[in-house]
């Protein structure tokens, strides 16, 4: 179950990293301001891919945290019932 969830999340994020996102005004302007107006479409695309990578990492950490909390809860409830 956990491996399937992690695999599905990874596939979804990999797919999103390959999709040609429309240039959202906020992201595009932010990237151009950081690069001093020298950012082209490729730079904006790489920044969007990095953002998807961050979302993937947050999702993986959330899954790990969920599994850790759930296993502790199960252990505690098993001890309490016995």
PDB file of N, CA and C in Angstrom:
ATOM      1  N   UNK A   1       0.822  -1.201   0.000  1.00  0.00           N
ATOM      2  CA  UNK A   1       0.000   0.000   0.000  1.00  0.00           C
ATOM      3  C   UNK A   1       0.865   1.263   0.000  1.00  0.00           C
ATOM      4  N   UNK A   2       1.846   1.270   0.879  1.00  0.00           N
ATOM      5  CA  UNK A   2       2.713   2.441   0.986  1.00  0.00           C
ATOM      6  C   UNK A   2       3.555   2.606  -0.279  1.00  0.00           C
ATOM      7  N   UNK A   3       4.091   1.488  -0.762  1.00  0.00           N
ATOM      8  CA  UNK A   3       4.905   1.548  -1.977  1.00  0.00           C
ATOM      9  C   UNK A   3       4.068   1.986  -3.173  1.00  0.00           C
ATOM     10  N   UNK A   4       2.825   1.509  -3.235  1.00  0.00           N
ATOM     11  CA  UNK A   4       1.949   1.901  -4.342  1.00  0.00           C
ATOM     12  C   UNK A   4       1.625   3.390  -4.280  1.00  0.00           C
ATOM     13  N   UNK A   5       1.365   3.885  -3.084  1.00  0.00           N
ATOM     14  CA  UNK A   5       1.077   5.315  -2.922  1.00  0.00           C
ATOM     15  C   UNK A   5       2.286   6.154  -3.305  1.00  0.00           C
ATOM     16  N   UNK A   6       3.455   5.758  -2.831  1.00  0.00           N
ATOM     17  CA  UNK A   6       4.680   6.488  -3.168  1.00  0.00           C
ATOM     18  C   UNK A   6       4.950   6.428  -4.663  1.00  0.00           C
ATOM     19  N   UNK A   7       4.723   5.262  -5.263  1.00  0.00           N
ATOM     20  CA  UNK A   7       4.930   5.136  -6.699  1.00  0.00           C
ATOM     21  C   UNK A   7       3.967   6.006  -7.493  1.00  0.00           C
ATOM     22  N   UNK A   8       2.703   5.999  -7.093  1.00  0.00           N
ATOM     23  CA  UNK A   8       1.714   6.828  -7.791  1.00  0.00           C
ATOM     24  C   UNK A   8       2.047   8.312  -7.658  1.00  0.00           C
ATOM     25  N   UNK A   9       2.450   8.743  -6.462  1.00  0.00           N
ATOM     26  CA  UNK A   9       2.823  10.142  -6.240  1.00  0.00           C
ATOM     27  C   UNK A   9       4.033  10.510  -7.107  1.00  0.00           C
ATOM     28  N   UNK A  10       5.002   9.619  -7.184  1.00  0.00           N
ATOM     29  CA  UNK A  10       6.198   9.888  -7.976  1.00  0.00           C
ATOM     30  C   UNK A  10       5.873   9.969  -9.464  1.00  0.00           C
ATOM     31  N   UNK A  11       5.020   9.066  -9.930  1.00  0.00           N
ATOM     32  CA  UNK A  11       4.629   9.094 -11.349  1.00  0.00           C
ATOM     33  C   UNK A  11       3.870  10.377 -11.662  1.00  0.00           C
ATOM     34  N   UNK A  12       2.960  10.766 -10.783  1.00  0.00           N
ATOM     35  CA  UNK A  12       2.212  12.001 -10.997  1.00  0.00           C
ATOM     36  C   UNK A  12       3.148  13.211 -11.062  1.00  0.00           C
ATOM     37  N   UNK A  13       4.079  13.289 -10.145  1.00  0.00           N
ATOM     38  CA  UNK A  13       5.007  14.423 -10.152  1.00  0.00           C
ATOM     39  C   UNK A  13       5.943  14.387 -11.362  1.00  0.00           C
ATOM     40  N   UNK A  14       6.368  13.193 -11.767  1.00  0.00           N
ATOM     41  CA  UNK A  14       7.214  13.089 -12.967  1.00  0.00           C
ATOM     42  C   UNK A  14       6.439  13.540 -14.200  1.00  0.00           C
ATOM     43  N   UNK A  15       5.174  13.169 -14.270  1.00  0.00           N
ATOM     44  CA  UNK A  15       4.334  13.618 -15.375  1.00  0.00           C
ATOM     45  C   UNK A  15       4.190  15.133 -15.360  1.00  0.00           C
ATOM     46  N   UNK A  16       3.932  15.700 -14.177  1.00  0.00           N
ATOM     47  CA  UNK A  16       3.782  17.156 -14.076  1.00  0.00           C
ATOM     48  C   UNK A  16       5.068  17.886 -14.439  1.00  0.00           C
ATOM     49  N   UNK A  17       6.217  17.276 -14.152  1.00  0.00           N
ATOM     50  CA  UNK A  17       7.492  17.907 -14.483  1.00  0.00           C
ATOM     51  C   UNK A  17       7.725  17.977 -15.989  1.00  0.00           C
ATOM     52  N   UNK A  18       7.076  17.091 -16.756  1.00  0.00           N
ATOM     53  CA  UNK A  18       7.258  17.068 -18.201  1.00  0.00           C
ATOM     54  C   UNK A  18       6.223  17.876 -18.968  1.00  0.00           C
ATOM     55  N   UNK A  19       5.160  18.259 -18.305  1.00  0.00           N
ATOM     56  CA  UNK A  19       4.085  19.000 -18.964  1.00  0.00           C
ATOM     57  C   UNK A  19       4.538  20.428 -19.218  1.00  0.00           C
ATOM     58  N   UNK A  20       4.224  20.938 -20.368  1.00  0.00           N
ATOM     59  CA  UNK A  20       4.533  22.336 -20.677  1.00  0.00           C
ATOM     60  C   UNK A  20       3.485  23.216 -19.997  1.00  0.00           C
ATOM     61  N   UNK A  21       3.839  23.744 -18.855  1.00  0.00           N
ATOM     62  CA  UNK A  21       2.920  24.601 -18.118  1.00  0.00           C
ATOM     63  C   UNK A  21       2.720  25.920 -18.856  1.00  0.00           C
ATOM     64  N   UNK A  22       1.535  26.450 -18.782  1.00  0.00           N
ATOM     65  CA  UNK A  22       1.383  27.826 -19.270  1.00  0.00           C
ATOM     66  C   UNK A  22       2.182  28.751 -18.358  1.00  0.00           C
ATOM     67  N   UNK A  23       2.697  29.792 -18.906  1.00  0.00           N
ATOM     68  CA  UNK A  23       3.518  30.693 -18.092  1.00  0.00           C
ATOM     69  C   UNK A  23       2.620  31.530 -17.200  1.00  0.00           C
ATOM     70  N   UNK A  24       2.516  31.087 -15.980  1.00  0.00           N
ATOM     71  CA  UNK A  24       1.738  31.843 -15.017  1.00  0.00           C
ATOM     72  C   UNK A  24       2.452  33.167 -14.766  1.00  0.00           C
ATOM     73  N   UNK A  25       1.702  34.222 -14.742  1.00  0.00           N
ATOM     74  CA  UNK A  25       2.255  35.572 -14.645  1.00  0.00           C
ATOM     75  C   UNK A  25       3.109  35.744 -13.400  1.00  0.00           C
ATOM     76  N   UNK A  26       2.647  35.256 -12.277  1.00  0.00           N
ATOM     77  CA  UNK A  26       3.381  35.442 -11.020  1.00  0.00           C
ATOM     78  C   UNK A  26       4.723  34.730 -11.067  1.00  0.00           C
ATOM     79  N   UNK A  27       4.723  33.484 -11.529  1.00  0.00           N
ATOM     80  CA  UNK A  27       5.971  32.719 -11.584  1.00  0.00           C
ATOM     81  C   UNK A  27       6.925  33.350 -12.577  1.00  0.00           C
ATOM     82  N   UNK A  28       6.422  33.698 -13.738  1.00  0.00           N
ATOM     83  CA  UNK A  28       7.262  34.271 -14.781  1.00  0.00           C
ATOM     84  C   UNK A  28       7.883  35.596 -14.326  1.00  0.00           C
ATOM     85  N   UNK A  29       7.084  36.460 -13.729  1.00  0.00           N
ATOM     86  CA  UNK A  29       7.610  37.743 -13.265  1.00  0.00           C
ATOM     87  C   UNK A  29       8.606  37.564 -12.131  1.00  0.00           C
ATOM     88  N   UNK A  30       8.345  36.610 -11.244  1.00  0.00           N
ATOM     89  CA  UNK A  30       9.270  36.362 -10.137  1.00  0.00           C
ATOM     90  C   UNK A  30      10.617  35.865 -10.647  1.00  0.00           C
ATOM     91  N   UNK A  31      10.579  34.935 -11.586  1.00  0.00           N
ATOM     92  CA  UNK A  31      11.829  34.403 -12.145  1.00  0.00           C
ATOM     93  C   UNK A  31      12.583  35.492 -12.889  1.00  0.00           C
ATOM     94  N   UNK A  32      11.873  36.290 -13.666  1.00  0.00           N
ATOM     95  CA  UNK A  32      12.540  37.360 -14.400  1.00  0.00           C
ATOM     96  C   UNK A  32      13.143  38.399 -13.458  1.00  0.00           C
ATOM     97  N   UNK A  33      12.479  38.681 -12.344  1.00  0.00           N
ATOM     98  CA  UNK A  33      13.048  39.653 -11.400  1.00  0.00           C
ATOM     99  C   UNK A  33      14.295  39.092 -10.730  1.00  0.00           C
ATOM    100  N   UNK A  34      14.300  37.789 -10.457  1.00  0.00           N
ATOM    101  CA  UNK A  34      15.486  37.174  -9.849  1.00  0.00           C
ATOM    102  C   UNK A  34      16.661  37.195 -10.824  1.00  0.00           C
ATOM    103  N   UNK A  35      16.394  36.912 -12.093  1.00  0.00           N
ATOM    104  CA  UNK A  35      17.449  36.869 -13.096  1.00  0.00           C
ATOM    105  C   UNK A  35      17.687  38.216 -13.770  1.00  0.00           C
ATOM    106  N   UNK A  36      17.098  39.256 -13.260  1.00  0.00           N
ATOM    107  CA  UNK A  36      17.325  40.590 -13.799  1.00  0.00           C
ATOM    108  C   UNK A  36      16.771  40.773 -15.203  1.00  0.00           C
ATOM    109  N   UNK A  37      15.669  40.131 -15.518  1.00  0.00           N
ATOM    110  CA  UNK A  37      15.058  40.268 -16.838  1.00  0.00           C
ATOM    111  C   UNK A  37      15.712  39.432 -17.909  1.00  0.00           C
ATOM    112  N   UNK A  38      16.674  38.578 -17.538  1.00  0.00           N
ATOM    113  CA  UNK A  38      17.386  37.773 -18.533  1.00  0.00           C
ATOM    114  C   UNK A  38      16.867  36.342 -18.622  1.00  0.00           C
ATOM    115  N   UNK A  39      15.741  36.046 -17.982  1.00  0.00           N
ATOM    116  CA  UNK A  39      15.205  34.684 -18.000  1.00  0.00           C
ATOM    117  C   UNK A  39      14.401  34.455 -19.277  1.00  0.00           C
ATOM    118  N   UNK A  40      14.718  33.361 -19.942  1.00  0.00           N
ATOM    119  CA  UNK A  40      13.940  32.990 -21.122  1.00  0.00           C
ATOM    120  C   UNK A  40      12.972  31.866 -20.753  1.00  0.00           C
ATOM    121  N   UNK A  41      12.293  31.332 -21.737  1.00  0.00           N
ATOM    122  CA  UNK A  41      11.305  30.286 -21.481  1.00  0.00           C
ATOM    123  C   UNK A  41      11.925  29.044 -20.848  1.00  0.00           C
ATOM    124  N   UNK A  42      13.136  28.707 -21.243  1.00  0.00           N
ATOM    125  CA  UNK A  42      13.800  27.519 -20.706  1.00  0.00           C
ATOM    126  C   UNK A  42      14.073  27.668 -19.208  1.00  0.00           C
ATOM    127  N   UNK A  43      14.520  28.842 -18.800  1.00  0.00           N
ATOM    128  CA  UNK A  43      14.785  29.092 -17.377  1.00  0.00           C
ATOM    129  C   UNK A  43      13.490  28.993 -16.575  1.00  0.00           C
ATOM    130  N   UNK A  44      12.426  29.588 -17.081  1.00  0.00           N
ATOM    131  CA  UNK A  44      11.136  29.521 -16.386  1.00  0.00           C
ATOM    132  C   UNK A  44      10.667  28.072 -16.303  1.00  0.00           C
ATOM    133  N   UNK A  45      10.861  27.301 -17.354  1.00  0.00           N
ATOM    134  CA  UNK A  45      10.467  25.893 -17.358  1.00  0.00           C
ATOM    135  C   UNK A  45      11.243  25.107 -16.304  1.00  0.00           C
ATOM    136  N   UNK A  46      12.553  25.369 -16.188  1.00  0.00           N
ATOM    137  CA  UNK A  46      13.363  24.672 -15.183  1.00  0.00           C
ATOM    138  C   UNK A  46      12.950  25.056 -13.767  1.00  0.00           C
ATOM    139  N   UNK A  47      12.585  26.294 -13.566  1.00  0.00           N
ATOM    140  CA  UNK A  47      12.099  26.713 -12.252  1.00  0.00           C
ATOM    141  C   UNK A  47      10.796  25.991 -11.927  1.00  0.00           C
ATOM    142  N   UNK A  48       9.917  25.848 -12.893  1.00  0.00           N
ATOM    143  CA  UNK A  48       8.665  25.128 -12.668  1.00  0.00           C
ATOM    144  C   UNK A  48       8.933  23.654 -12.376  1.00  0.00           C
ATOM    145  N   UNK A  49       9.914  23.061 -13.044  1.00  0.00           N
ATOM    146  CA  UNK A  49      10.281  21.674 -12.744  1.00  0.00           C
ATOM    147  C   UNK A  49      10.807  21.562 -11.320  1.00  0.00           C
ATOM    148  N   UNK A  50      11.596  22.531 -10.893  1.00  0.00           N
ATOM    149  CA  UNK A  50      12.107  22.520  -9.517  1.00  0.00           C
ATOM    150  C   UNK A  50      10.968  22.651  -8.516  1.00  0.00           C
ATOM    151  N   UNK A  51       9.967  23.447  -8.859  1.00  0.00           N
ATOM    152  CA  UNK A  51       8.813  23.582  -7.976  1.00  0.00           C
ATOM    153  C   UNK A  51       8.073  22.247  -7.846  1.00  0.00           C
ATOM    154  N   UNK A  52       7.953  21.515  -8.939  1.00  0.00           N
ATOM    155  CA  UNK A  52       7.327  20.193  -8.886  1.00  0.00           C
ATOM    156  C   UNK A  52       8.174  19.259  -8.021  1.00  0.00           C
ATOM    157  N   UNK A  53       9.480  19.368  -8.104  1.00  0.00           N
ATOM    158  CA  UNK A  53      10.371  18.568  -7.255  1.00  0.00           C
ATOM    159  C   UNK A  53      10.163  18.857  -5.784  1.00  0.00           C
ATOM    160  N   UNK A  54       9.974  20.108  -5.458  1.00  0.00           N
ATOM    161  CA  UNK A  54       9.708  20.476  -4.068  1.00  0.00           C
ATOM    162  C   UNK A  54       8.363  19.911  -3.615  1.00  0.00           C
ATOM    163  N   UNK A  55       7.361  19.997  -4.467  1.00  0.00           N
ATOM    164  CA  UNK A  55       6.052  19.430  -4.130  1.00  0.00           C
ATOM    165  C   UNK A  55       6.174  17.919  -3.932  1.00  0.00           C
ATOM    166  N   UNK A  56       6.975  17.237  -4.777  1.00  0.00           N
ATOM    167  CA  UNK A  56       7.189  15.807  -4.616  1.00  0.00           C
ATOM    168  C   UNK A  56       7.826  15.506  -3.269  1.00  0.00           C
ATOM    169  N   UNK A  57       8.869  16.258  -2.910  1.00  0.00           N
ATOM    170  CA  UNK A  57       9.556  16.025  -1.644  1.00  0.00           C
ATOM    171  C   UNK A  57       8.620  16.247  -0.459  1.00  0.00           C
ATOM    172  N   UNK A  58       7.808  17.280  -0.516  1.00  0.00           N
ATOM    173  CA  UNK A  58       6.846  17.536   0.556  1.00  0.00           C
ATOM    174  C   UNK A  58       5.847  16.385   0.656  1.00  0.00           C
ATOM    175  N   UNK A  59       5.389  15.876  -0.474  1.00  0.00           N
ATOM    176  CA  UNK A  59       4.471  14.748  -0.476  1.00  0.00           C
ATOM    177  C   UNK A  59       5.087  13.491   0.114  1.00  0.00           C
ATOM    178  N   UNK A  60       6.340  13.223  -0.237  1.00  0.00           N
ATOM    179  CA  UNK A  60       7.031  12.050   0.298  1.00  0.00           C
ATOM    180  C   UNK A  60       7.223  12.193   1.810  1.00  0.00           C
ATOM    181  N   UNK A  61       7.652  13.353   2.249  1.00  0.00           N
ATOM    182  CA  UNK A  61       7.814  13.569   3.692  1.00  0.00           C
ATOM    183  C   UNK A  61       6.487  13.455   4.426  1.00  0.00           C
ATOM    184  N   UNK A  62       5.423  13.966   3.812  1.00  0.00           N
ATOM    185  CA  UNK A  62       4.100  13.826   4.416  1.00  0.00           C
ATOM    186  C   UNK A  62       3.681  12.371   4.524  1.00  0.00           C
ATOM    187  N   UNK A  63       3.952  11.568   3.506  1.00  0.00           N
ATOM    188  CA  UNK A  63       3.633  10.151   3.539  1.00  0.00           C
ATOM    189  C   UNK A  63       4.433   9.438   4.619  1.00  0.00           C
ATOM    190  N   UNK A  64       5.704   9.746   4.723  1.00  0.00           N
ATOM    191  CA  UNK A  64       6.541   9.135   5.754  1.00  0.00           C
ATOM    192  C   UNK A  64       6.031   9.511   7.142  1.00  0.00           C
ATOM    193  N   UNK A  65       5.690  10.762   7.334  1.00  0.00           N
ATOM    194  CA  UNK A  65       5.156  11.213   8.618  1.00  0.00           C
ATOM    195  C   UNK A  65       3.834  10.520   8.926  1.00  0.00           C
ATOM    196  N   UNK A  66       2.969  10.404   7.939  1.00  0.00           N
ATOM    197  CA  UNK A  66       1.682   9.732   8.123  1.00  0.00           C
ATOM    198  C   UNK A  66       1.885   8.279   8.538  1.00  0.00           C
ATOM    199  N   UNK A  67       2.795   7.580   7.865  1.00  0.00           N
ATOM    200  CA  UNK A  67       3.054   6.179   8.177  1.00  0.00           C
ATOM    201  C   UNK A  67       3.614   6.043   9.592  1.00  0.00           C
ATOM    202  N   UNK A  68       4.524   6.932   9.968  1.00  0.00           N
ATOM    203  CA  UNK A  68       5.108   6.872  11.314  1.00  0.00           C
ATOM    204  C   UNK A  68       4.050   7.107  12.378  1.00  0.00           C
ATOM    205  N   UNK A  69       3.201   8.092  12.188  1.00  0.00           N
ATOM    206  CA  UNK A  69       2.153   8.388  13.174  1.00  0.00           C
ATOM    207  C   UNK A  69       1.137   7.252  13.227  1.00  0.00           C
ATOM    208  N   UNK A  70       0.753   6.726  12.082  1.00  0.00           N
ATOM    209  CA  UNK A  70      -0.225   5.633  12.050  1.00  0.00           C
ATOM    210  C   UNK A  70       0.318   4.385  12.729  1.00  0.00           C
ATOM    211  N   UNK A  71       1.586   4.065  12.516  1.00  0.00           N
ATOM    212  CA  UNK A  71       2.152   2.868  13.151  1.00  0.00           C
ATOM    213  C   UNK A  71       2.256   3.047  14.661  1.00  0.00           C
ATOM    214  N   UNK A  72       2.593   4.232  15.130  1.00  0.00           N
ATOM    215  CA  UNK A  72       2.631   4.478  16.571  1.00  0.00           C
ATOM    216  C   UNK A  72       1.228   4.384  17.166  1.00  0.00           C
ATOM    217  N   UNK A  73       0.243   4.905  16.447  1.00  0.00           N
ATOM    218  CA  UNK A  73      -1.140   4.840  16.934  1.00  0.00           C
ATOM    219  C   UNK A  73      -1.614   3.403  17.013  1.00  0.00           C
ATOM    220  N   UNK A  74      -1.285   2.597  15.995  1.00  0.00           N
ATOM    221  CA  UNK A  74      -1.681   1.191  16.006  1.00  0.00           C
ATOM    222  C   UNK A  74      -1.030   0.440  17.156  1.00  0.00           C
ATOM    223  N   UNK A  75       0.269   0.703  17.398  1.00  0.00           N
ATOM    224  CA  UNK A  75       0.955   0.051  18.504  1.00  0.00           C
ATOM    225  C   UNK A  75       0.342   0.434  19.834  1.00  0.00           C
ATOM    226  N   UNK A  76       0.036   1.719  19.987  1.00  0.00           N
ATOM    227  CA  UNK A  76      -0.553   2.188  21.241  1.00  0.00           C
ATOM    228  C   UNK A  76      -1.932   1.594  21.458  1.00  0.00           C
ATOM    229  N   UNK A  77      -2.739   1.513  20.415  1.00  0.00           N
ATOM    230  CA  UNK A  77      -4.077   0.951  20.571  1.00  0.00           C
ATOM    231  C   UNK A  77      -4.026  -0.552  20.806  1.00  0.00           C
ATOM    232  N   UNK A  78      -3.031  -1.255  20.233  1.00  0.00           N
ATOM    233  CA  UNK A  78      -2.870  -2.676  20.467  1.00  0.00           C
ATOM    234  C   UNK A  78      -2.470  -2.948  21.913  1.00  0.00           C
ATOM    235  N   UNK A  79      -1.564  -2.130  22.444  1.00  0.00           N
ATOM    236  CA  UNK A  79      -1.145  -2.288  23.844  1.00  0.00           C
ATOM    237  C   UNK A  79      -2.297  -2.000  24.797  1.00  0.00           C
ATOM    238  N   UNK A  80      -3.095  -0.997  24.478  1.00  0.00           N
ATOM    239  CA  UNK A  80      -4.201  -0.626  25.361  1.00  0.00           C
ATOM    240  C   UNK A  80      -5.291  -1.688  25.382  1.00  0.00           C
ATOM    241  N   UNK A  81      -5.509  -2.372  24.274  1.00  0.00           N
ATOM    242  CA  UNK A  81      -6.565  -3.378  24.221  1.00  0.00           C
ATOM    243  C   UNK A  81      -6.140  -4.708  24.831  1.00  0.00           C
ATOM    244  N   UNK A  82      -4.830  -4.935  24.964  1.00  0.00           N
ATOM    245  CA  UNK A  82      -4.381  -6.224  25.527  1.00  0.00           C
ATOM    246  C   UNK A  82      -4.156  -6.193  27.006  1.00  0.00           C
TER     247      UNK A  82
END
